[in-house]
Amino acid sequence: MELFKLDPGLAIWTWIAFGILFFILWKFAFPVLIGNIKEREKLIAKSVDDADEIEKRLKEINIEYAEIIKKARTEADGILLETRKESDLLKRKLLLKAEEEAADIVIQIKDKMSKEREALLLALQGEIADFVCNTSAQIVETSFTSEKDHDWAMELVKTL
């Protein structure tokens, strides 16, 4: 048994079968395959174009986003600055109002203390006048209970 033997009849029938198969493939299969390949190429080209367009749009969106962020930061800084100015103004107003109220309270307290001091001095003078009258009455052994005596003692205490 020979492994490699040339048989002319088999070679001719092989070439005839190959030719028929090639013709059938050329007539029916290759046009469909080539059509599918061309459709695939168009789809890939369209996808690449779409991807380029999407990338371009994405860059535009990123630029718009950066501008919006920049504008928002500028506005936020402006609002923050304005808020700080308003808070400083409000703080000054409140401090001024508190100082005015404190000054009013001090004036009221001084007035009240002055009135209480006067009342206390009058009460003390009255007590001293009574003490003088009582002491004088014990020393002189005469009663100093009249209104005139009391007024005299008050005048005496006031001059001291």
N, C-alpha and C. Protein backbone atom coordinates (compact mmCIF):
# COMPACT_ATOMS: atom_id res chain seq x y z
N MET A 1 0.83 -1.15 0.00
CA MET A 1 0.00 0.00 0.00
C MET A 1 0.90 1.24 0.00
N GLU A 2 0.65 1.99 -0.96
CA GLU A 2 1.41 3.22 -1.11
C GLU A 2 0.63 4.36 -0.53
N LEU A 3 1.37 5.20 0.15
CA LEU A 3 0.69 6.33 0.78
C LEU A 3 0.42 7.45 -0.22
N PHE A 4 1.34 7.64 -1.10
CA PHE A 4 1.16 8.72 -2.04
C PHE A 4 1.23 8.14 -3.44
N LYS A 5 0.07 8.17 -4.03
CA LYS A 5 -0.01 7.63 -5.38
C LYS A 5 -0.85 8.58 -6.20
N LEU A 6 -0.44 8.85 -7.39
CA LEU A 6 -1.12 9.79 -8.25
C LEU A 6 -2.10 9.02 -9.14
N ASP A 7 -3.39 9.36 -8.97
CA ASP A 7 -4.43 8.73 -9.78
C ASP A 7 -5.07 9.84 -10.63
N PRO A 8 -4.89 9.82 -11.99
CA PRO A 8 -5.39 10.92 -12.81
C PRO A 8 -6.92 11.00 -12.80
N GLY A 9 -7.62 9.97 -12.72
CA GLY A 9 -9.09 10.00 -12.73
C GLY A 9 -9.65 10.65 -11.47
N LEU A 10 -9.02 10.30 -10.37
CA LEU A 10 -9.45 10.89 -9.10
C LEU A 10 -9.14 12.38 -9.08
N ALA A 11 -8.03 12.77 -9.65
CA ALA A 11 -7.65 14.18 -9.68
C ALA A 11 -8.64 14.98 -10.53
N ILE A 12 -9.05 14.43 -11.65
CA ILE A 12 -10.01 15.14 -12.52
C ILE A 12 -11.33 15.29 -11.82
N TRP A 13 -11.84 14.20 -11.20
CA TRP A 13 -13.12 14.30 -10.50
C TRP A 13 -13.01 15.25 -9.29
N THR A 14 -11.88 15.31 -8.65
CA THR A 14 -11.69 16.24 -7.53
C THR A 14 -11.76 17.67 -8.04
N TRP A 15 -11.09 17.94 -9.20
CA TRP A 15 -11.13 19.30 -9.77
C TRP A 15 -12.54 19.64 -10.25
N ILE A 16 -13.27 18.73 -10.79
CA ILE A 16 -14.65 18.98 -11.24
C ILE A 16 -15.52 19.27 -10.03
N ALA A 17 -15.40 18.50 -8.93
CA ALA A 17 -16.20 18.73 -7.71
C ALA A 17 -15.84 20.08 -7.10
N PHE A 18 -14.50 20.40 -7.10
CA PHE A 18 -14.07 21.69 -6.57
C PHE A 18 -14.65 22.83 -7.40
N GLY A 19 -14.65 22.69 -8.74
CA GLY A 19 -15.19 23.73 -9.64
C GLY A 19 -16.67 23.94 -9.41
N ILE A 20 -17.45 22.85 -9.29
CA ILE A 20 -18.90 22.96 -9.06
C ILE A 20 -19.16 23.62 -7.70
N LEU A 21 -18.41 23.17 -6.71
CA LEU A 21 -18.57 23.75 -5.37
C LEU A 21 -18.20 25.22 -5.38
N PHE A 22 -17.08 25.55 -6.09
CA PHE A 22 -16.66 26.95 -6.16
C PHE A 22 -17.71 27.79 -6.87
N PHE A 23 -18.30 27.27 -7.96
CA PHE A 23 -19.33 27.98 -8.69
C PHE A 23 -20.55 28.22 -7.82
N ILE A 24 -21.00 27.21 -7.06
CA ILE A 24 -22.16 27.35 -6.18
C ILE A 24 -21.87 28.37 -5.09
N LEU A 25 -20.67 28.26 -4.53
CA LEU A 25 -20.31 29.24 -3.49
C LEU A 25 -20.24 30.64 -4.08
N TRP A 26 -19.62 30.76 -5.31
CA TRP A 26 -19.50 32.07 -5.95
C TRP A 26 -20.85 32.64 -6.28
N LYS A 27 -21.79 31.85 -6.68
CA LYS A 27 -23.11 32.31 -7.10
C LYS A 27 -24.01 32.59 -5.91
N PHE A 28 -23.97 31.79 -4.85
CA PHE A 28 -24.94 31.93 -3.76
C PHE A 28 -24.34 32.37 -2.43
N ALA A 29 -23.24 31.80 -2.01
CA ALA A 29 -22.73 32.05 -0.66
C ALA A 29 -21.87 33.30 -0.58
N PHE A 30 -20.96 33.47 -1.56
CA PHE A 30 -20.05 34.61 -1.49
C PHE A 30 -20.77 35.96 -1.55
N PRO A 31 -21.79 36.14 -2.40
CA PRO A 31 -22.47 37.44 -2.40
C PRO A 31 -23.13 37.75 -1.04
N VAL A 32 -23.70 36.75 -0.43
CA VAL A 32 -24.32 36.95 0.88
C VAL A 32 -23.24 37.28 1.92
N LEU A 33 -22.14 36.53 1.91
CA LEU A 33 -21.05 36.79 2.85
C LEU A 33 -20.45 38.17 2.62
N ILE A 34 -20.21 38.52 1.36
CA ILE A 34 -19.64 39.83 1.05
C ILE A 34 -20.62 40.93 1.45
N GLY A 35 -21.91 40.72 1.21
CA GLY A 35 -22.94 41.70 1.63
C GLY A 35 -22.94 41.88 3.15
N ASN A 36 -22.86 40.76 3.87
CA ASN A 36 -22.82 40.84 5.33
C ASN A 36 -21.56 41.57 5.81
N ILE A 37 -20.43 41.27 5.12
CA ILE A 37 -19.17 41.93 5.50
C ILE A 37 -19.29 43.44 5.26
N LYS A 38 -19.87 43.83 4.11
CA LYS A 38 -20.02 45.25 3.81
C LYS A 38 -20.97 45.93 4.80
N GLU A 39 -22.08 45.25 5.12
CA GLU A 39 -22.99 45.79 6.14
C GLU A 39 -22.28 45.95 7.49
N ARG A 40 -21.48 44.97 7.81
CA ARG A 40 -20.72 45.01 9.07
C ARG A 40 -19.72 46.17 9.05
N GLU A 41 -19.06 46.36 7.88
CA GLU A 41 -18.13 47.49 7.75
C GLU A 41 -18.86 48.82 7.92
N LYS A 42 -20.05 48.92 7.28
CA LYS A 42 -20.85 50.15 7.42
C LYS A 42 -21.26 50.37 8.87
N LEU A 43 -21.70 49.31 9.53
CA LEU A 43 -22.11 49.40 10.92
C LEU A 43 -20.94 49.82 11.81
N ILE A 44 -19.77 49.25 11.57
CA ILE A 44 -18.58 49.59 12.34
C ILE A 44 -18.19 51.04 12.07
N ALA A 45 -18.23 51.45 10.80
CA ALA A 45 -17.90 52.85 10.44
C ALA A 45 -18.89 53.81 11.09
N LYS A 46 -20.17 53.44 11.06
CA LYS A 46 -21.19 54.28 11.70
C LYS A 46 -20.96 54.34 13.21
N SER A 47 -20.62 53.22 13.81
CA SER A 47 -20.34 53.19 15.25
C SER A 47 -19.14 54.04 15.60
N VAL A 48 -18.10 53.98 14.76
CA VAL A 48 -16.90 54.81 14.99
C VAL A 48 -17.27 56.29 14.86
N ASP A 49 -18.05 56.63 13.82
CA ASP A 49 -18.49 58.02 13.66
C ASP A 49 -19.35 58.47 14.84
N ASP A 50 -20.26 57.59 15.27
CA ASP A 50 -21.09 57.92 16.44
C ASP A 50 -20.23 58.10 17.69
N ALA A 51 -19.23 57.24 17.84
CA ALA A 51 -18.35 57.35 19.00
C ALA A 51 -17.57 58.66 18.95
N ASP A 52 -17.10 59.05 17.74
CA ASP A 52 -16.40 60.33 17.60
C ASP A 52 -17.33 61.49 17.93
N GLU A 53 -18.55 61.40 17.44
CA GLU A 53 -19.54 62.45 17.73
C GLU A 53 -19.85 62.50 19.22
N ILE A 54 -20.01 61.34 19.83
CA ILE A 54 -20.27 61.29 21.28
C ILE A 54 -19.09 61.86 22.05
N GLU A 55 -17.87 61.52 21.61
CA GLU A 55 -16.67 62.05 22.28
C GLU A 55 -16.62 63.57 22.15
N LYS A 56 -16.94 64.07 20.95
CA LYS A 56 -16.95 65.52 20.73
C LYS A 56 -18.00 66.18 21.63
N ARG A 57 -19.18 65.60 21.67
CA ARG A 57 -20.26 66.15 22.50
C ARG A 57 -19.88 66.08 23.98
N LEU A 58 -19.20 65.01 24.38
CA LEU A 58 -18.76 64.85 25.76
C LEU A 58 -17.77 65.95 26.13
N LYS A 59 -16.86 66.26 25.20
CA LYS A 59 -15.92 67.35 25.45
C LYS A 59 -16.66 68.67 25.61
N GLU A 60 -17.65 68.91 24.74
CA GLU A 60 -18.45 70.13 24.85
C GLU A 60 -19.19 70.19 26.19
N ILE A 61 -19.74 69.05 26.59
CA ILE A 61 -20.46 68.98 27.86
C ILE A 61 -19.51 69.24 29.03
N ASN A 62 -18.29 68.69 28.96
CA ASN A 62 -17.30 68.93 30.01
C ASN A 62 -16.93 70.40 30.09
N ILE A 63 -16.80 71.04 28.93
CA ILE A 63 -16.50 72.49 28.92
C ILE A 63 -17.66 73.26 29.52
N GLU A 64 -18.89 72.93 29.12
CA GLU A 64 -20.08 73.57 29.69
C GLU A 64 -20.15 73.33 31.20
N TYR A 65 -19.84 72.12 31.61
CA TYR A 65 -19.86 71.77 33.03
C TYR A 65 -18.85 72.62 33.80
N ALA A 66 -17.65 72.75 33.24
CA ALA A 66 -16.61 73.56 33.88
C ALA A 66 -17.05 75.02 33.98
N GLU A 67 -17.68 75.53 32.92
CA GLU A 67 -18.16 76.92 32.95
C GLU A 67 -19.26 77.08 33.98
N ILE A 68 -20.17 76.12 34.05
CA ILE A 68 -21.26 76.19 35.02
C ILE A 68 -20.70 76.14 36.45
N ILE A 69 -19.74 75.25 36.68
CA ILE A 69 -19.12 75.15 38.01
C ILE A 69 -18.42 76.46 38.36
N LYS A 70 -17.70 77.02 37.40
CA LYS A 70 -16.99 78.28 37.63
C LYS A 70 -17.98 79.39 37.95
N LYS A 71 -19.05 79.45 37.19
CA LYS A 71 -20.08 80.47 37.42
C LYS A 71 -20.74 80.27 38.78
N ALA A 72 -21.03 79.01 39.12
CA ALA A 72 -21.66 78.72 40.41
C ALA A 72 -20.73 79.10 41.56
N ARG A 73 -19.44 78.82 41.41
CA ARG A 73 -18.48 79.19 42.46
C ARG A 73 -18.39 80.69 42.60
N THR A 74 -18.38 81.39 41.46
CA THR A 74 -18.34 82.85 41.49
C THR A 74 -19.57 83.40 42.20
N GLU A 75 -20.73 82.87 41.84
CA GLU A 75 -21.98 83.31 42.49
C GLU A 75 -21.96 82.97 43.98
N ALA A 76 -21.48 81.78 44.31
CA ALA A 76 -21.43 81.38 45.71
C ALA A 76 -20.48 82.28 46.50
N ASP A 77 -19.34 82.60 45.89
CA ASP A 77 -18.41 83.51 46.55
C ASP A 77 -19.04 84.89 46.74
N GLY A 78 -19.76 85.36 45.73
CA GLY A 78 -20.46 86.65 45.83
C GLY A 78 -21.50 86.63 46.93
N ILE A 79 -22.28 85.56 46.97
CA ILE A 79 -23.31 85.43 48.00
C ILE A 79 -22.68 85.35 49.38
N LEU A 80 -21.59 84.60 49.48
CA LEU A 80 -20.90 84.47 50.76
C LEU A 80 -20.35 85.80 51.21
N LEU A 81 -19.75 86.57 50.28
CA LEU A 81 -19.21 87.88 50.61
C LEU A 81 -20.32 88.83 51.04
N GLU A 82 -21.42 88.79 50.30
CA GLU A 82 -22.56 89.65 50.65
C GLU A 82 -23.13 89.26 52.01
N THR A 83 -23.22 87.96 52.27
CA THR A 83 -23.73 87.49 53.55
C THR A 83 -22.81 87.92 54.69
N ARG A 84 -21.51 87.84 54.46
CA ARG A 84 -20.56 88.28 55.49
C ARG A 84 -20.71 89.77 55.76
N LYS A 85 -20.86 90.56 54.68
CA LYS A 85 -21.05 92.00 54.86
C LYS A 85 -22.32 92.28 55.65
N GLU A 86 -23.40 91.58 55.27
CA GLU A 86 -24.67 91.77 55.98
C GLU A 86 -24.56 91.34 57.44
N SER A 87 -23.84 90.24 57.69
CA SER A 87 -23.71 89.77 59.07
C SER A 87 -22.86 90.75 59.87
N ASP A 88 -21.81 91.30 59.24
CA ASP A 88 -20.99 92.30 59.94
C ASP A 88 -21.82 93.54 60.26
N LEU A 89 -22.63 93.97 59.29
CA LEU A 89 -23.49 95.13 59.51
C LEU A 89 -24.50 94.85 60.62
N LEU A 90 -25.10 93.67 60.57
CA LEU A 90 -26.06 93.29 61.60
C LEU A 90 -25.37 93.20 62.96
N LYS A 91 -24.16 92.66 62.98
CA LYS A 91 -23.39 92.55 64.22
C LYS A 91 -23.13 93.94 64.79
N ARG A 92 -22.71 94.86 63.91
CA ARG A 92 -22.46 96.24 64.39
C ARG A 92 -23.73 96.88 64.92
N LYS A 93 -24.84 96.67 64.19
CA LYS A 93 -26.11 97.23 64.65
C LYS A 93 -26.50 96.66 66.02
N LEU A 94 -26.35 95.34 66.14
CA LEU A 94 -26.70 94.70 67.42
C LEU A 94 -25.79 95.18 68.55
N LEU A 95 -24.49 95.32 68.25
CA LEU A 95 -23.57 95.81 69.28
C LEU A 95 -23.92 97.24 69.67
N LEU A 96 -24.24 98.07 68.68
CA LEU A 96 -24.62 99.46 68.96
C LEU A 96 -25.90 99.50 69.78
N LYS A 97 -26.85 98.67 69.41
CA LYS A 97 -28.12 98.62 70.15
C LYS A 97 -27.87 98.13 71.57
N ALA A 98 -27.01 97.10 71.71
CA ALA A 98 -26.71 96.58 73.05
C ALA A 98 -26.00 97.65 73.88
N GLU A 99 -25.08 98.40 73.26
CA GLU A 99 -24.40 99.47 74.00
C GLU A 99 -25.38 100.55 74.42
N GLU A 100 -26.30 100.89 73.52
CA GLU A 100 -27.31 101.89 73.86
C GLU A 100 -28.19 101.39 75.00
N GLU A 101 -28.62 100.12 74.91
CA GLU A 101 -29.46 99.56 75.97
C GLU A 101 -28.68 99.50 77.28
N ALA A 102 -27.39 99.14 77.20
CA ALA A 102 -26.57 99.10 78.41
C ALA A 102 -26.44 100.50 79.01
N ALA A 103 -26.24 101.50 78.13
CA ALA A 103 -26.14 102.88 78.62
C ALA A 103 -27.45 103.31 79.26
N ASP A 104 -28.57 102.95 78.63
CA ASP A 104 -29.89 103.28 79.21
C ASP A 104 -30.06 102.60 80.56
N ILE A 105 -29.66 101.34 80.63
CA ILE A 105 -29.79 100.61 81.90
C ILE A 105 -28.91 101.26 82.96
N VAL A 106 -27.69 101.66 82.59
CA VAL A 106 -26.79 102.31 83.55
C VAL A 106 -27.42 103.61 84.03
N ILE A 107 -27.98 104.39 83.10
CA ILE A 107 -28.63 105.66 83.48
C ILE A 107 -29.81 105.39 84.41
N GLN A 108 -30.61 104.40 84.06
CA GLN A 108 -31.76 104.06 84.91
C GLN A 108 -31.30 103.62 86.29
N ILE A 109 -30.25 102.80 86.33
CA ILE A 109 -29.74 102.32 87.62
C ILE A 109 -29.18 103.49 88.43
N LYS A 110 -28.45 104.40 87.74
CA LYS A 110 -27.92 105.56 88.45
C LYS A 110 -29.05 106.42 88.99
N ASP A 111 -30.09 106.63 88.18
CA ASP A 111 -31.24 107.40 88.66
C ASP A 111 -31.90 106.71 89.84
N LYS A 112 -32.06 105.40 89.71
CA LYS A 112 -32.69 104.64 90.80
C LYS A 112 -31.81 104.70 92.05
N MET A 113 -30.48 104.55 91.87
CA MET A 113 -29.58 104.61 93.02
C MET A 113 -29.60 106.00 93.65
N SER A 114 -29.66 107.02 92.80
CA SER A 114 -29.73 108.39 93.31
C SER A 114 -31.00 108.61 94.13
N LYS A 115 -32.11 108.13 93.60
CA LYS A 115 -33.38 108.28 94.32
C LYS A 115 -33.36 107.48 95.62
N GLU A 116 -32.82 106.25 95.54
CA GLU A 116 -32.73 105.43 96.75
C GLU A 116 -31.78 106.06 97.76
N ARG A 117 -30.68 106.66 97.27
CA ARG A 117 -29.73 107.34 98.16
C ARG A 117 -30.42 108.52 98.85
N GLU A 118 -31.18 109.29 98.05
CA GLU A 118 -31.90 110.43 98.63
C GLU A 118 -32.91 109.95 99.66
N ALA A 119 -33.64 108.89 99.31
CA ALA A 119 -34.63 108.35 100.24
C ALA A 119 -33.94 107.82 101.49
N LEU A 120 -32.80 107.16 101.30
CA LEU A 120 -32.04 106.63 102.43
C LEU A 120 -31.51 107.76 103.29
N LEU A 121 -30.99 108.81 102.64
CA LEU A 121 -30.49 109.95 103.40
C LEU A 121 -31.61 110.64 104.18
N LEU A 122 -32.77 110.77 103.53
CA LEU A 122 -33.91 111.37 104.24
C LEU A 122 -34.32 110.51 105.42
N ALA A 123 -34.36 109.21 105.18
CA ALA A 123 -34.74 108.30 106.27
C ALA A 123 -33.69 108.37 107.38
N LEU A 124 -32.42 108.40 107.00
CA LEU A 124 -31.33 108.49 107.98
C LEU A 124 -31.38 109.82 108.73
N GLN A 125 -31.64 110.89 107.99
CA GLN A 125 -31.76 112.19 108.64
C GLN A 125 -32.93 112.19 109.63
N GLY A 126 -34.02 111.55 109.19
CA GLY A 126 -35.18 111.46 110.10
C GLY A 126 -34.84 110.68 111.35
N GLU A 127 -34.10 109.57 111.17
CA GLU A 127 -33.70 108.75 112.31
C GLU A 127 -32.76 109.54 113.23
N ILE A 128 -31.81 110.25 112.58
CA ILE A 128 -30.87 111.05 113.39
C ILE A 128 -31.62 112.16 114.12
N ALA A 129 -32.59 112.79 113.43
CA ALA A 129 -33.38 113.85 114.06
C ALA A 129 -34.14 113.29 115.25
N ASP A 130 -34.74 112.12 115.06
CA ASP A 130 -35.46 111.48 116.18
C ASP A 130 -34.49 111.15 117.30
N PHE A 131 -33.29 110.66 116.92
CA PHE A 131 -32.28 110.33 117.92
C PHE A 131 -31.85 111.58 118.69
N VAL A 132 -31.64 112.69 117.95
CA VAL A 132 -31.26 113.95 118.59
C VAL A 132 -32.36 114.43 119.53
N CYS A 133 -33.61 114.33 119.05
CA CYS A 133 -34.73 114.76 119.89
C CYS A 133 -34.81 113.91 121.15
N ASN A 134 -34.69 112.61 120.99
CA ASN A 134 -34.78 111.72 122.14
C ASN A 134 -33.61 111.93 123.10
N THR A 135 -32.41 112.09 122.52
CA THR A 135 -31.24 112.32 123.36
C THR A 135 -31.34 113.66 124.08
N SER A 136 -31.76 114.68 123.34
CA SER A 136 -31.91 116.01 123.96
C SER A 136 -32.98 115.97 125.04
N ALA A 137 -34.01 115.23 124.79
CA ALA A 137 -35.10 115.13 125.78
C ALA A 137 -34.59 114.47 127.04
N GLN A 138 -33.73 113.49 126.91
CA GLN A 138 -33.21 112.82 128.10
C GLN A 138 -32.20 113.71 128.83
N ILE A 139 -31.41 114.46 128.03
CA ILE A 139 -30.42 115.33 128.68
C ILE A 139 -31.11 116.51 129.35
N VAL A 140 -31.99 117.15 128.68
CA VAL A 140 -32.63 118.35 129.20
C VAL A 140 -33.83 117.97 130.07
N GLU A 141 -34.28 116.84 129.98
CA GLU A 141 -35.43 116.32 130.68
C GLU A 141 -36.69 117.09 130.29
N THR A 142 -36.76 117.42 128.99
CA THR A 142 -37.93 118.08 128.44
C THR A 142 -38.29 117.31 127.16
N SER A 143 -39.53 117.26 126.86
CA SER A 143 -39.99 116.53 125.69
C SER A 143 -39.83 117.38 124.44
N PHE A 144 -39.21 116.77 123.40
CA PHE A 144 -39.06 117.41 122.08
C PHE A 144 -39.89 116.64 121.06
N THR A 145 -41.13 116.50 121.29
CA THR A 145 -41.97 115.70 120.41
C THR A 145 -42.83 116.54 119.49
N SER A 146 -42.78 117.84 119.57
CA SER A 146 -43.62 118.66 118.70
C SER A 146 -43.04 118.70 117.29
N GLU A 147 -43.85 119.11 116.37
CA GLU A 147 -43.45 119.20 114.96
C GLU A 147 -42.36 120.24 114.80
N LYS A 148 -42.45 121.31 115.51
CA LYS A 148 -41.47 122.38 115.44
C LYS A 148 -40.10 121.86 115.90
N ASP A 149 -40.08 121.10 116.97
CA ASP A 149 -38.82 120.55 117.45
C ASP A 149 -38.23 119.57 116.44
N HIS A 150 -39.09 118.79 115.87
CA HIS A 150 -38.64 117.81 114.87
C HIS A 150 -38.04 118.53 113.67
N ASP A 151 -38.70 119.62 113.18
CA ASP A 151 -38.18 120.38 112.03
C ASP A 151 -36.84 121.02 112.38
N TRP A 152 -36.71 121.52 113.61
CA TRP A 152 -35.45 122.12 114.04
C TRP A 152 -34.34 121.06 114.01
N ALA A 153 -34.63 119.86 114.46
CA ALA A 153 -33.64 118.78 114.48
C ALA A 153 -33.27 118.38 113.05
N MET A 154 -34.22 118.37 112.15
CA MET A 154 -33.96 118.03 110.75
C MET A 154 -33.03 119.08 110.13
N GLU A 155 -33.28 120.33 110.39
CA GLU A 155 -32.43 121.42 109.87
C GLU A 155 -31.02 121.27 110.44
N LEU A 156 -30.93 120.91 111.68
CA LEU A 156 -29.64 120.73 112.32
C LEU A 156 -28.87 119.58 111.65
N VAL A 157 -29.57 118.52 111.39
CA VAL A 157 -28.95 117.34 110.76
C VAL A 157 -28.52 117.69 109.34
N LYS A 158 -29.32 118.46 108.62
CA LYS A 158 -28.99 118.82 107.23
C LYS A 158 -27.75 119.69 107.18
N THR A 159 -27.55 120.54 108.14
CA THR A 159 -26.37 121.42 108.14
C THR A 159 -25.12 120.63 108.48
N LEU A 160 -25.26 119.50 109.12
CA LEU A 160 -24.09 118.71 109.45
C LEU A 160 -23.64 118.01 108.20
